[in-house]
Amino acid sequence: MANSRRVSRVSSLIKREVSQMLLNGIKDDRVGAGMVSITDIDLSGDLQHATIFVSIYGTEEAKEETMEGLKASEGFVRKELGHRIRLRRSPEITFLEDSSLERGDKMVHLLNQISQERESKG
């Protein structure tokens, strides 16, 4: 139980620090191509691996460019986390695009469309 609280606490710290880095720490211009927000962090129980799920708003090109920039910055982010958070070892960082918000928007749009079609028929 204590370990899950620790993982949760460290996940929150990582989310806060990486969010700050996204605002003004990562110098790669590609990261600024699309608006990026962290949706979730999956941290292993031994705190050695962190998968950071990001949602990117923008064109498909901007999303691809942003992901390239994020992947290129994984080493920097890991090193920077080592300076900002006191852990024995900084976790390996992996960025993954989370498209669940986009899928949710599409579902809401489809449901609204169905509802409007029903109203116009009825």
PDB file of N, CA and C in Angstrom:
ATOM      1  N   MET A   1       0.824  -1.203   0.000  1.00  0.00           N
ATOM      2  CA  MET A   1       0.000   0.000   0.000  1.00  0.00           C
ATOM      3  C   MET A   1       0.862   1.260   0.000  1.00  0.00           C
ATOM      4  N   ALA A   2       1.909   1.251   0.814  1.00  0.00           N
ATOM      5  CA  ALA A   2       2.793   2.411   0.884  1.00  0.00           C
ATOM      6  C   ALA A   2       3.489   2.636  -0.445  1.00  0.00           C
ATOM      7  N   ASN A   3       3.818   1.532  -1.144  1.00  0.00           N
ATOM      8  CA  ASN A   3       4.494   1.659  -2.431  1.00  0.00           C
ATOM      9  C   ASN A   3       3.592   2.335  -3.458  1.00  0.00           C
ATOM     10  N   SER A   4       2.293   1.995  -3.479  1.00  0.00           N
ATOM     11  CA  SER A   4       1.394   2.615  -4.450  1.00  0.00           C
ATOM     12  C   SER A   4       1.230   4.110  -4.171  1.00  0.00           C
ATOM     13  N   ARG A   5       1.256   4.488  -2.893  1.00  0.00           N
ATOM     14  CA  ARG A   5       1.203   5.913  -2.555  1.00  0.00           C
ATOM     15  C   ARG A   5       2.459   6.621  -3.027  1.00  0.00           C
ATOM     16  N   ARG A   6       3.594   5.940  -2.884  1.00  0.00           N
ATOM     17  CA  ARG A   6       4.866   6.524  -3.313  1.00  0.00           C
ATOM     18  C   ARG A   6       4.876   6.693  -4.834  1.00  0.00           C
ATOM     19  N   VAL A   7       4.420   5.670  -5.558  1.00  0.00           N
ATOM     20  CA  VAL A   7       4.362   5.747  -7.016  1.00  0.00           C
ATOM     21  C   VAL A   7       3.443   6.897  -7.430  1.00  0.00           C
ATOM     22  N   SER A   8       2.305   7.011  -6.772  1.00  0.00           N
ATOM     23  CA  SER A   8       1.359   8.078  -7.073  1.00  0.00           C
ATOM     24  C   SER A   8       1.981   9.459  -6.807  1.00  0.00           C
ATOM     25  N   ARG A   9       2.682   9.587  -5.697  1.00  0.00           N
ATOM     26  CA  ARG A   9       3.312  10.862  -5.342  1.00  0.00           C
ATOM     27  C   ARG A   9       4.400  11.236  -6.353  1.00  0.00           C
ATOM     28  N   VAL A  10       5.233  10.254  -6.718  1.00  0.00           N
ATOM     29  CA  VAL A  10       6.304  10.511  -7.681  1.00  0.00           C
ATOM     30  C   VAL A  10       5.717  10.821  -9.056  1.00  0.00           C
ATOM     31  N   SER A  11       4.631  10.130  -9.436  1.00  0.00           N
ATOM     32  CA  SER A  11       3.951  10.419 -10.713  1.00  0.00           C
ATOM     33  C   SER A  11       3.483  11.872 -10.749  1.00  0.00           C
ATOM     34  N   SER A  12       2.905  12.334  -9.662  1.00  0.00           N
ATOM     35  CA  SER A  12       2.443  13.726  -9.587  1.00  0.00           C
ATOM     36  C   SER A  12       3.603  14.701  -9.727  1.00  0.00           C
ATOM     37  N   LEU A  13       4.710  14.386  -9.067  1.00  0.00           N
ATOM     38  CA  LEU A  13       5.894  15.244  -9.169  1.00  0.00           C
ATOM     39  C   LEU A  13       6.420  15.280 -10.606  1.00  0.00           C
ATOM     40  N   ILE A  14       6.478  14.110 -11.233  1.00  0.00           N
ATOM     41  CA  ILE A  14       6.957  14.040 -12.615  1.00  0.00           C
ATOM     42  C   ILE A  14       6.039  14.850 -13.525  1.00  0.00           C
ATOM     43  N   LYS A  15       4.735  14.693 -13.338  1.00  0.00           N
ATOM     44  CA  LYS A  15       3.774  15.429 -14.162  1.00  0.00           C
ATOM     45  C   LYS A  15       3.977  16.939 -14.014  1.00  0.00           C
ATOM     46  N   ARG A  16       4.140  17.388 -12.785  1.00  0.00           N
ATOM     47  CA  ARG A  16       4.335  18.819 -12.535  1.00  0.00           C
ATOM     48  C   ARG A  16       5.622  19.322 -13.184  1.00  0.00           C
ATOM     49  N   GLU A  17       6.704  18.586 -12.985  1.00  0.00           N
ATOM     50  CA  GLU A  17       8.001  19.025 -13.506  1.00  0.00           C
ATOM     51  C   GLU A  17       8.060  18.974 -15.030  1.00  0.00           C
ATOM     52  N   VAL A  18       7.525  17.924 -15.626  1.00  0.00           N
ATOM     53  CA  VAL A  18       7.550  17.821 -17.087  1.00  0.00           C
ATOM     54  C   VAL A  18       6.631  18.888 -17.699  1.00  0.00           C
ATOM     55  N   SER A  19       5.519  19.188 -17.038  1.00  0.00           N
ATOM     56  CA  SER A  19       4.639  20.262 -17.517  1.00  0.00           C
ATOM     57  C   SER A  19       5.407  21.577 -17.554  1.00  0.00           C
ATOM     58  N   GLN A  20       6.195  21.839 -16.519  1.00  0.00           N
ATOM     59  CA  GLN A  20       7.030  23.044 -16.495  1.00  0.00           C
ATOM     60  C   GLN A  20       8.042  23.028 -17.637  1.00  0.00           C
ATOM     61  N   MET A  21       8.643  21.862 -17.869  1.00  0.00           N
ATOM     62  CA  MET A  21       9.621  21.751 -18.958  1.00  0.00           C
ATOM     63  C   MET A  21       8.962  22.007 -20.308  1.00  0.00           C
ATOM     64  N   LEU A  22       7.732  21.538 -20.481  1.00  0.00           N
ATOM     65  CA  LEU A  22       7.028  21.768 -21.742  1.00  0.00           C
ATOM     66  C   LEU A  22       6.795  23.255 -21.974  1.00  0.00           C
ATOM     67  N   LEU A  23       6.580  23.990 -20.891  1.00  0.00           N
ATOM     68  CA  LEU A  23       6.347  25.429 -21.012  1.00  0.00           C
ATOM     69  C   LEU A  23       7.617  26.197 -21.355  1.00  0.00           C
ATOM     70  N   ASN A  24       8.711  25.864 -20.675  1.00  0.00           N
ATOM     71  CA  ASN A  24       9.901  26.690 -20.907  1.00  0.00           C
ATOM     72  C   ASN A  24      11.244  25.983 -20.746  1.00  0.00           C
ATOM     73  N   GLY A  25      11.262  24.675 -20.699  1.00  0.00           N
ATOM     74  CA  GLY A  25      12.535  23.999 -20.506  1.00  0.00           C
ATOM     75  C   GLY A  25      13.064  23.304 -21.740  1.00  0.00           C
ATOM     76  N   ILE A  26      12.170  22.768 -22.559  1.00  0.00           N
ATOM     77  CA  ILE A  26      12.589  22.025 -23.741  1.00  0.00           C
ATOM     78  C   ILE A  26      12.805  23.027 -24.870  1.00  0.00           C
ATOM     79  N   LYS A  27      14.023  23.075 -25.367  1.00  0.00           N
ATOM     80  CA  LYS A  27      14.378  24.084 -26.370  1.00  0.00           C
ATOM     81  C   LYS A  27      14.093  23.659 -27.804  1.00  0.00           C
ATOM     82  N   ASP A  28      13.692  22.416 -28.004  1.00  0.00           N
ATOM     83  CA  ASP A  28      13.416  21.908 -29.352  1.00  0.00           C
ATOM     84  C   ASP A  28      12.186  22.608 -29.922  1.00  0.00           C
ATOM     85  N   ASP A  29      12.349  23.320 -31.028  1.00  0.00           N
ATOM     86  CA  ASP A  29      11.246  24.072 -31.639  1.00  0.00           C
ATOM     87  C   ASP A  29      10.094  23.181 -32.074  1.00  0.00           C
ATOM     88  N   ARG A  30      10.387  21.919 -32.365  1.00  0.00           N
ATOM     89  CA  ARG A  30       9.326  21.013 -32.805  1.00  0.00           C
ATOM     90  C   ARG A  30       8.278  20.803 -31.717  1.00  0.00           C
ATOM     91  N   VAL A  31       8.696  20.901 -30.459  1.00  0.00           N
ATOM     92  CA  VAL A  31       7.757  20.689 -29.353  1.00  0.00           C
ATOM     93  C   VAL A  31       6.708  21.795 -29.317  1.00  0.00           C
ATOM     94  N   GLY A  32       7.033  22.968 -29.834  1.00  0.00           N
ATOM     95  CA  GLY A  32       6.086  24.079 -29.859  1.00  0.00           C
ATOM     96  C   GLY A  32       5.156  24.061 -31.055  1.00  0.00           C
ATOM     97  N   ALA A  33       5.293  23.051 -31.939  1.00  0.00           N
ATOM     98  CA  ALA A  33       4.476  23.007 -33.164  1.00  0.00           C
ATOM     99  C   ALA A  33       2.999  22.787 -32.861  1.00  0.00           C
ATOM    100  N   GLY A  34       2.699  22.048 -31.810  1.00  0.00           N
ATOM    101  CA  GLY A  34       1.313  21.808 -31.409  1.00  0.00           C
ATOM    102  C   GLY A  34       1.180  22.055 -29.924  1.00  0.00           C
ATOM    103  N   MET A  35      -0.017  22.377 -29.469  1.00  0.00           N
ATOM    104  CA  MET A  35      -0.214  22.596 -28.041  1.00  0.00           C
ATOM    105  C   MET A  35      -0.207  21.239 -27.331  1.00  0.00           C
ATOM    106  N   VAL A  36       0.650  21.096 -26.334  1.00  0.00           N
ATOM    107  CA  VAL A  36       0.853  19.807 -25.666  1.00  0.00           C
ATOM    108  C   VAL A  36       0.357  19.872 -24.230  1.00  0.00           C
ATOM    109  N   SER A  37      -0.368  18.824 -23.824  1.00  0.00           N
ATOM    110  CA  SER A  37      -0.721  18.700 -22.409  1.00  0.00           C
ATOM    111  C   SER A  37      -0.534  17.248 -21.991  1.00  0.00           C
ATOM    112  N   ILE A  38      -0.129  17.062 -20.759  1.00  0.00           N
ATOM    113  CA  ILE A  38       0.082  15.717 -20.227  1.00  0.00           C
ATOM    114  C   ILE A  38      -1.258  15.193 -19.734  1.00  0.00           C
ATOM    115  N   THR A  39      -1.663  14.022 -20.240  1.00  0.00           N
ATOM    116  CA  THR A  39      -2.948  13.458 -19.833  1.00  0.00           C
ATOM    117  C   THR A  39      -2.790  12.411 -18.740  1.00  0.00           C
ATOM    118  N   ASP A  40      -1.647  11.710 -18.730  1.00  0.00           N
ATOM    119  CA  ASP A  40      -1.451  10.664 -17.733  1.00  0.00           C
ATOM    120  C   ASP A  40       0.018  10.278 -17.679  1.00  0.00           C
ATOM    121  N   ILE A  41       0.397   9.661 -16.576  1.00  0.00           N
ATOM    122  CA  ILE A  41       1.746   9.122 -16.428  1.00  0.00           C
ATOM    123  C   ILE A  41       1.619   7.713 -15.882  1.00  0.00           C
ATOM    124  N   ASP A  42       2.271   6.789 -16.563  1.00  0.00           N
ATOM    125  CA  ASP A  42       2.304   5.401 -16.116  1.00  0.00           C
ATOM    126  C   ASP A  42       3.713   5.149 -15.602  1.00  0.00           C
ATOM    127  N   LEU A  43       3.833   5.038 -14.290  1.00  0.00           N
ATOM    128  CA  LEU A  43       5.136   4.861 -13.649  1.00  0.00           C
ATOM    129  C   LEU A  43       5.223   3.454 -13.093  1.00  0.00           C
ATOM    130  N   SER A  44       6.310   2.768 -13.420  1.00  0.00           N
ATOM    131  CA  SER A  44       6.474   1.396 -12.933  1.00  0.00           C
ATOM    132  C   SER A  44       6.641   1.400 -11.416  1.00  0.00           C
ATOM    133  N   GLY A  45       6.301   0.277 -10.793  1.00  0.00           N
ATOM    134  CA  GLY A  45       6.359   0.155  -9.336  1.00  0.00           C
ATOM    135  C   GLY A  45       7.754   0.385  -8.768  1.00  0.00           C
ATOM    136  N   ASP A  46       8.796   0.086  -9.568  1.00  0.00           N
ATOM    137  CA  ASP A  46      10.168   0.303  -9.095  1.00  0.00           C
ATOM    138  C   ASP A  46      10.680   1.702  -9.452  1.00  0.00           C
ATOM    139  N   LEU A  47       9.806   2.530 -10.014  1.00  0.00           N
ATOM    140  CA  LEU A  47      10.104   3.919 -10.374  1.00  0.00           C
ATOM    141  C   LEU A  47      11.188   4.042 -11.444  1.00  0.00           C
ATOM    142  N   GLN A  48      11.414   2.995 -12.218  1.00  0.00           N
ATOM    143  CA  GLN A  48      12.492   3.016 -13.212  1.00  0.00           C
ATOM    144  C   GLN A  48      12.024   3.383 -14.617  1.00  0.00           C
ATOM    145  N   HIS A  49      10.723   3.292 -14.880  1.00  0.00           N
ATOM    146  CA  HIS A  49      10.206   3.580 -16.215  1.00  0.00           C
ATOM    147  C   HIS A  49       8.954   4.450 -16.106  1.00  0.00           C
ATOM    148  N   ALA A  50       8.962   5.562 -16.822  1.00  0.00           N
ATOM    149  CA  ALA A  50       7.803   6.456 -16.828  1.00  0.00           C
ATOM    150  C   ALA A  50       7.346   6.665 -18.263  1.00  0.00           C
ATOM    151  N   THR A  51       6.101   6.291 -18.532  1.00  0.00           N
ATOM    152  CA  THR A  51       5.496   6.573 -19.824  1.00  0.00           C
ATOM    153  C   THR A  51       4.614   7.789 -19.627  1.00  0.00           C
ATOM    154  N   ILE A  52       4.906   8.832 -20.399  1.00  0.00           N
ATOM    155  CA  ILE A  52       4.171  10.082 -20.275  1.00  0.00           C
ATOM    156  C   ILE A  52       3.242  10.198 -21.477  1.00  0.00           C
ATOM    157  N   PHE A  53       1.937  10.172 -21.204  1.00  0.00           N
ATOM    158  CA  PHE A  53       0.944  10.282 -22.262  1.00  0.00           C
ATOM    159  C   PHE A  53       0.621  11.750 -22.481  1.00  0.00           C
ATOM    160  N   VAL A  54       0.698  12.180 -23.730  1.00  0.00           N
ATOM    161  CA  VAL A  54       0.449  13.584 -24.054  1.00  0.00           C
ATOM    162  C   VAL A  54      -0.657  13.700 -25.081  1.00  0.00           C
ATOM    163  N   SER A  55      -1.420  14.755 -24.948  1.00  0.00           N
ATOM    164  CA  SER A  55      -2.438  15.096 -25.924  1.00  0.00           C
ATOM    165  C   SER A  55      -1.902  16.312 -26.669  1.00  0.00           C
ATOM    166  N   ILE A  56      -1.958  16.251 -27.994  1.00  0.00           N
ATOM    167  CA  ILE A  56      -1.407  17.332 -28.811  1.00  0.00           C
ATOM    168  C   ILE A  56      -2.527  17.889 -29.665  1.00  0.00           C
ATOM    169  N   TYR A  57      -2.731  19.198 -29.583  1.00  0.00           N
ATOM    170  CA  TYR A  57      -3.734  19.868 -30.394  1.00  0.00           C
ATOM    171  C   TYR A  57      -3.025  20.549 -31.551  1.00  0.00           C
ATOM    172  N   GLY A  58      -3.570  20.367 -32.742  1.00  0.00           N
ATOM    173  CA  GLY A  58      -2.972  20.965 -33.927  1.00  0.00           C
ATOM    174  C   GLY A  58      -3.191  20.076 -35.124  1.00  0.00           C
ATOM    175  N   THR A  59      -2.595  20.448 -36.236  1.00  0.00           N
ATOM    176  CA  THR A  59      -2.724  19.654 -37.457  1.00  0.00           C
ATOM    177  C   THR A  59      -1.966  18.344 -37.289  1.00  0.00           C
ATOM    178  N   GLU A  60      -2.219  17.399 -38.188  1.00  0.00           N
ATOM    179  CA  GLU A  60      -1.500  16.116 -38.142  1.00  0.00           C
ATOM    180  C   GLU A  60      -0.002  16.344 -38.254  1.00  0.00           C
ATOM    181  N   GLU A  61       0.399  17.286 -39.118  1.00  0.00           N
ATOM    182  CA  GLU A  61       1.823  17.597 -39.286  1.00  0.00           C
ATOM    183  C   GLU A  61       2.407  18.122 -37.987  1.00  0.00           C
ATOM    184  N   ALA A  62       1.662  19.025 -37.332  1.00  0.00           N
ATOM    185  CA  ALA A  62       2.137  19.598 -36.075  1.00  0.00           C
ATOM    186  C   ALA A  62       2.253  18.511 -35.010  1.00  0.00           C
ATOM    187  N   LYS A  63       1.303  17.573 -34.993  1.00  0.00           N
ATOM    188  CA  LYS A  63       1.337  16.484 -34.017  1.00  0.00           C
ATOM    189  C   LYS A  63       2.568  15.610 -34.233  1.00  0.00           C
ATOM    190  N   GLU A  64       2.825  15.248 -35.497  1.00  0.00           N
ATOM    191  CA  GLU A  64       3.991  14.413 -35.805  1.00  0.00           C
ATOM    192  C   GLU A  64       5.281  15.122 -35.425  1.00  0.00           C
ATOM    193  N   GLU A  65       5.359  16.397 -35.780  1.00  0.00           N
ATOM    194  CA  GLU A  65       6.551  17.194 -35.483  1.00  0.00           C
ATOM    195  C   GLU A  65       6.767  17.293 -33.972  1.00  0.00           C
ATOM    196  N   THR A  66       5.679  17.520 -33.248  1.00  0.00           N
ATOM    197  CA  THR A  66       5.766  17.633 -31.790  1.00  0.00           C
ATOM    198  C   THR A  66       6.234  16.322 -31.169  1.00  0.00           C
ATOM    199  N   MET A  67       5.677  15.193 -31.640  1.00  0.00           N
ATOM    200  CA  MET A  67       6.094  13.885 -31.107  1.00  0.00           C
ATOM    201  C   MET A  67       7.566  13.623 -31.403  1.00  0.00           C
ATOM    202  N   GLU A  68       8.039  13.998 -32.585  1.00  0.00           N
ATOM    203  CA  GLU A  68       9.463  13.839 -32.912  1.00  0.00           C
ATOM    204  C   GLU A  68      10.314  14.636 -31.928  1.00  0.00           C
ATOM    205  N   GLY A  69       9.895  15.867 -31.660  1.00  0.00           N
ATOM    206  CA  GLY A  69      10.622  16.714 -30.714  1.00  0.00           C
ATOM    207  C   GLY A  69      10.609  16.146 -29.309  1.00  0.00           C
ATOM    208  N   LEU A  70       9.452  15.624 -28.880  1.00  0.00           N
ATOM    209  CA  LEU A  70       9.350  15.033 -27.540  1.00  0.00           C
ATOM    210  C   LEU A  70      10.239  13.802 -27.426  1.00  0.00           C
ATOM    211  N   LYS A  71      10.210  12.943 -28.455  1.00  0.00           N
ATOM    212  CA  LYS A  71      11.042  11.740 -28.419  1.00  0.00           C
ATOM    213  C   LYS A  71      12.519  12.107 -28.385  1.00  0.00           C
ATOM    214  N   ALA A  72      12.888  13.149 -29.119  1.00  0.00           N
ATOM    215  CA  ALA A  72      14.285  13.598 -29.126  1.00  0.00           C
ATOM    216  C   ALA A  72      14.696  14.182 -27.771  1.00  0.00           C
ATOM    217  N   SER A  73      13.730  14.657 -26.998  1.00  0.00           N
ATOM    218  CA  SER A  73      14.043  15.300 -25.720  1.00  0.00           C
ATOM    219  C   SER A  73      13.964  14.355 -24.527  1.00  0.00           C
ATOM    220  N   GLU A  74      13.678  13.063 -24.749  1.00  0.00           N
ATOM    221  CA  GLU A  74      13.504  12.126 -23.630  1.00  0.00           C
ATOM    222  C   GLU A  74      14.729  12.076 -22.716  1.00  0.00           C
ATOM    223  N   GLY A  75      15.926  12.070 -23.293  1.00  0.00           N
ATOM    224  CA  GLY A  75      17.149  12.041 -22.482  1.00  0.00           C
ATOM    225  C   GLY A  75      17.298  13.300 -21.640  1.00  0.00           C
ATOM    226  N   PHE A  76      17.020  14.448 -22.255  1.00  0.00           N
ATOM    227  CA  PHE A  76      17.082  15.716 -21.536  1.00  0.00           C
ATOM    228  C   PHE A  76      16.094  15.730 -20.380  1.00  0.00           C
ATOM    229  N   VAL A  77      14.872  15.270 -20.655  1.00  0.00           N
ATOM    230  CA  VAL A  77      13.820  15.260 -19.623  1.00  0.00           C
ATOM    231  C   VAL A  77      14.245  14.363 -18.462  1.00  0.00           C
ATOM    232  N   ARG A  78      14.805  13.197 -18.767  1.00  0.00           N
ATOM    233  CA  ARG A  78      15.256  12.287 -17.708  1.00  0.00           C
ATOM    234  C   ARG A  78      16.342  12.948 -16.854  1.00  0.00           C
ATOM    235  N   LYS A  79      17.312  13.556 -17.513  1.00  0.00           N
ATOM    236  CA  LYS A  79      18.411  14.215 -16.795  1.00  0.00           C
ATOM    237  C   LYS A  79      17.887  15.367 -15.941  1.00  0.00           C
ATOM    238  N   GLU A  80      17.005  16.150 -16.524  1.00  0.00           N
ATOM    239  CA  GLU A  80      16.433  17.299 -15.814  1.00  0.00           C
ATOM    240  C   GLU A  80      15.609  16.850 -14.605  1.00  0.00           C
ATOM    241  N   LEU A  81      14.853  15.758 -14.758  1.00  0.00           N
ATOM    242  CA  LEU A  81      14.089  15.217 -13.631  1.00  0.00           C
ATOM    243  C   LEU A  81      15.036  14.798 -12.512  1.00  0.00           C
ATOM    244  N   GLY A  82      16.195  14.257 -12.884  1.00  0.00           N
ATOM    245  CA  GLY A  82      17.190  13.861 -11.886  1.00  0.00           C
ATOM    246  C   GLY A  82      17.634  15.033 -11.035  1.00  0.00           C
ATOM    247  N   HIS A  83      17.711  16.218 -11.648  1.00  0.00           N
ATOM    248  CA  HIS A  83      18.094  17.419 -10.904  1.00  0.00           C
ATOM    249  C   HIS A  83      16.945  17.961 -10.054  1.00  0.00           C
ATOM    250  N   ARG A  84      15.731  17.820 -10.557  1.00  0.00           N
ATOM    251  CA  ARG A  84      14.570  18.437  -9.900  1.00  0.00           C
ATOM    252  C   ARG A  84      13.922  17.570  -8.830  1.00  0.00           C
ATOM    253  N   ILE A  85      13.973  16.244  -9.015  1.00  0.00           N
ATOM    254  CA  ILE A  85      13.330  15.335  -8.061  1.00  0.00           C
ATOM    255  C   ILE A  85      14.399  14.439  -7.458  1.00  0.00           C
ATOM    256  N   ARG A  86      14.419  14.341  -6.160  1.00  0.00           N
ATOM    257  CA  ARG A  86      15.422  13.527  -5.473  1.00  0.00           C
ATOM    258  C   ARG A  86      15.027  12.054  -5.483  1.00  0.00           C
ATOM    259  N   LEU A  87      15.559  11.335  -6.462  1.00  0.00           N
ATOM    260  CA  LEU A  87      15.353   9.897  -6.540  1.00  0.00           C
ATOM    261  C   LEU A  87      16.721   9.238  -6.668  1.00  0.00           C
ATOM    262  N   ARG A  88      16.795   7.993  -6.255  1.00  0.00           N
ATOM    263  CA  ARG A  88      18.050   7.263  -6.393  1.00  0.00           C
ATOM    264  C   ARG A  88      18.482   7.199  -7.854  1.00  0.00           C
ATOM    265  N   ARG A  89      17.505   6.938  -8.708  1.00  0.00           N
ATOM    266  CA  ARG A  89      17.751   6.861 -10.147  1.00  0.00           C
ATOM    267  C   ARG A  89      16.598   7.492 -10.890  1.00  0.00           C
ATOM    268  N   SER A  90      16.905   8.324 -11.873  1.00  0.00           N
ATOM    269  CA  SER A  90      15.835   8.924 -12.675  1.00  0.00           C
ATOM    270  C   SER A  90      15.221   7.861 -13.571  1.00  0.00           C
ATOM    271  N   PRO A  91      13.902   7.875 -13.717  1.00  0.00           N
ATOM    272  CA  PRO A  91      13.260   6.854 -14.564  1.00  0.00           C
ATOM    273  C   PRO A  91      13.551   7.084 -16.043  1.00  0.00           C
ATOM    274  N   GLU A  92      13.541   5.990 -16.806  1.00  0.00           N
ATOM    275  CA  GLU A  92      13.594   6.080 -18.263  1.00  0.00           C
ATOM    276  C   GLU A  92      12.293   6.741 -18.690  1.00  0.00           C
ATOM    277  N   ILE A  93      12.367   7.684 -19.615  1.00  0.00           N
ATOM    278  CA  ILE A  93      11.196   8.439 -20.049  1.00  0.00           C
ATOM    279  C   ILE A  93      10.781   8.009 -21.453  1.00  0.00           C
ATOM    280  N   THR A  94       9.496   7.808 -21.637  1.00  0.00           N
ATOM    281  CA  THR A  94       8.943   7.532 -22.959  1.00  0.00           C
ATOM    282  C   THR A  94       7.704   8.393 -23.126  1.00  0.00           C
ATOM    283  N   PHE A  95       7.647   9.128 -24.235  1.00  0.00           N
ATOM    284  CA  PHE A  95       6.459   9.912 -24.542  1.00  0.00           C
ATOM    285  C   PHE A  95       5.589   9.135 -25.519  1.00  0.00           C
ATOM    286  N   LEU A  96       4.282   9.077 -25.244  1.00  0.00           N
ATOM    287  CA  LEU A  96       3.318   8.462 -26.155  1.00  0.00           C
ATOM    288  C   LEU A  96       2.149   9.419 -26.352  1.00  0.00           C
ATOM    289  N   GLU A  97       1.660   9.468 -27.584  1.00  0.00           N
ATOM    290  CA  GLU A  97       0.513  10.334 -27.853  1.00  0.00           C
ATOM    291  C   GLU A  97      -0.763   9.665 -27.373  1.00  0.00           C
ATOM    292  N   ASP A  98      -1.564  10.405 -26.643  1.00  0.00           N
ATOM    293  CA  ASP A  98      -2.854   9.926 -26.142  1.00  0.00           C
ATOM    294  C   ASP A  98      -3.940  10.560 -26.998  1.00  0.00           C
ATOM    295  N   SER A  99      -4.599   9.759 -27.798  1.00  0.00           N
ATOM    296  CA  SER A  99      -5.630  10.298 -28.683  1.00  0.00           C
ATOM    297  C   SER A  99      -7.033  10.058 -28.140  1.00  0.00           C
ATOM    298  N   SER A 100      -7.138   9.693 -26.871  1.00  0.00           N
ATOM    299  CA  SER A 100      -8.456   9.389 -26.301  1.00  0.00           C
ATOM    300  C   SER A 100      -9.361  10.617 -26.275  1.00  0.00           C
ATOM    301  N   LEU A 101      -8.806  11.810 -26.035  1.00  0.00           N
ATOM    302  CA  LEU A 101      -9.643  13.015 -26.029  1.00  0.00           C
ATOM    303  C   LEU A 101     -10.205  13.274 -27.425  1.00  0.00           C
ATOM    304  N   GLU A 102      -9.355  13.058 -28.428  1.00  0.00           N
ATOM    305  CA  GLU A 102      -9.782  13.239 -29.810  1.00  0.00           C
ATOM    306  C   GLU A 102     -10.899  12.245 -30.154  1.00  0.00           C
ATOM    307  N   ARG A 103     -10.717  10.988 -29.747  1.00  0.00           N
ATOM    308  CA  ARG A 103     -11.749   9.973 -30.000  1.00  0.00           C
ATOM    309  C   ARG A 103     -13.037  10.339 -29.287  1.00  0.00           C
ATOM    310  N   GLY A 104     -12.932  10.852 -28.082  1.00  0.00           N
ATOM    311  CA  GLY A 104     -14.109  11.283 -27.325  1.00  0.00           C
ATOM    312  C   GLY A 104     -14.848  12.399 -28.034  1.00  0.00           C
ATOM    313  N   ASP A 105     -14.101  13.372 -28.567  1.00  0.00           N
ATOM    314  CA  ASP A 105     -14.718  14.466 -29.327  1.00  0.00           C
ATOM    315  C   ASP A 105     -15.470  13.938 -30.539  1.00  0.00           C
ATOM    316  N   LYS A 106     -14.850  12.977 -31.231  1.00  0.00           N
ATOM    317  CA  LYS A 106     -15.500  12.402 -32.413  1.00  0.00           C
ATOM    318  C   LYS A 106     -16.788  11.685 -32.027  1.00  0.00           C
ATOM    319  N   MET A 107     -16.756  10.954 -30.900  1.00  0.00           N
ATOM    320  CA  MET A 107     -17.948  10.243 -30.441  1.00  0.00           C
ATOM    321  C   MET A 107     -19.067  11.221 -30.096  1.00  0.00           C
ATOM    322  N   VAL A 108     -18.740  12.296 -29.398  1.00  0.00           N
ATOM    323  CA  VAL A 108     -19.748  13.302 -29.045  1.00  0.00           C
ATOM    324  C   VAL A 108     -20.336  13.909 -30.311  1.00  0.00           C
ATOM    325  N   HIS A 109     -19.480  14.194 -31.276  1.00  0.00           N
ATOM    326  CA  HIS A 109     -19.942  14.762 -32.545  1.00  0.00           C
ATOM    327  C   HIS A 109     -20.905  13.794 -33.250  1.00  0.00           C
ATOM    328  N   LEU A 110     -20.529  12.511 -33.294  1.00  0.00           N
ATOM    329  CA  LEU A 110     -21.394  11.509 -33.925  1.00  0.00           C
ATOM    330  C   LEU A 110     -22.730  11.375 -33.206  1.00  0.00           C
ATOM    331  N   LEU A 111     -22.695  11.364 -31.878  1.00  0.00           N
ATOM    332  CA  LEU A 111     -23.930  11.264 -31.102  1.00  0.00           C
ATOM    333  C   LEU A 111     -24.836  12.471 -31.346  1.00  0.00           C
ATOM    334  N   ASN A 112     -24.236  13.653 -31.407  1.00  0.00           N
ATOM    335  CA  ASN A 112     -25.015  14.863 -31.694  1.00  0.00           C
ATOM    336  C   ASN A 112     -25.632  14.794 -33.088  1.00  0.00           C
ATOM    337  N   GLN A 113     -24.856  14.277 -34.030  1.00  0.00           N
ATOM    338  CA  GLN A 113     -25.338  14.143 -35.406  1.00  0.00           C
ATOM    339  C   GLN A 113     -26.530  13.182 -35.462  1.00  0.00           C
ATOM    340  N   ILE A 114     -26.440  12.050 -34.782  1.00  0.00           N
ATOM    341  CA  ILE A 114     -27.528  11.071 -34.737  1.00  0.00           C
ATOM    342  C   ILE A 114     -28.768  11.689 -34.099  1.00  0.00           C
ATOM    343  N   SER A 115     -28.543  12.411 -33.015  1.00  0.00           N
ATOM    344  CA  SER A 115     -29.652  13.049 -32.316  1.00  0.00           C
ATOM    345  C   SER A 115     -30.367  14.057 -33.228  1.00  0.00           C
ATOM    346  N   GLN A 116     -29.596  14.851 -33.959  1.00  0.00           N
ATOM    347  CA  GLN A 116     -30.185  15.846 -34.868  1.00  0.00           C
ATOM    348  C   GLN A 116     -30.954  15.168 -35.998  1.00  0.00           C
ATOM    349  N   GLU A 117     -30.396  14.049 -36.505  1.00  0.00           N
ATOM    350  CA  GLU A 117     -31.091  13.322 -37.578  1.00  0.00           C
ATOM    351  C   GLU A 117     -32.403  12.749 -37.074  1.00  0.00           C
ATOM    352  N   ARG A 118     -32.427  12.232 -35.859  1.00  0.00           N
ATOM    353  CA  ARG A 118     -33.663  11.684 -35.278  1.00  0.00           C
ATOM    354  C   ARG A 118     -34.711  12.770 -35.100  1.00  0.00           C
ATOM    355  N   GLU A 119     -34.266  13.935 -34.629  1.00  0.00           N
ATOM    356  CA  GLU A 119     -35.198  15.038 -34.425  1.00  0.00           C
ATOM    357  C   GLU A 119     -35.809  15.512 -35.744  1.00  0.00           C
ATOM    358  N   SER A 120     -34.989  15.547 -36.779  1.00  0.00           N
ATOM    359  CA  SER A 120     -35.502  16.022 -38.073  1.00  0.00           C
ATOM    360  C   SER A 120     -36.466  15.007 -38.705  1.00  0.00           C
ATOM    361  N   LYS A 121     -36.278  13.705 -38.391  1.00  0.00           N
ATOM    362  CA  LYS A 121     -37.178  12.670 -38.916  1.00  0.00           C
ATOM    363  C   LYS A 121     -38.481  12.614 -38.116  1.00  0.00           C
ATOM    364  N   GLY A 122     -38.367  12.862 -36.818  1.00  0.00           N
ATOM    365  CA  GLY A 122     -39.527  12.692 -35.929  1.00  0.00           C
ATOM    366  C   GLY A 122     -40.325  13.911 -35.833  1.00  0.00           C
TER     367      GLY A 122
END
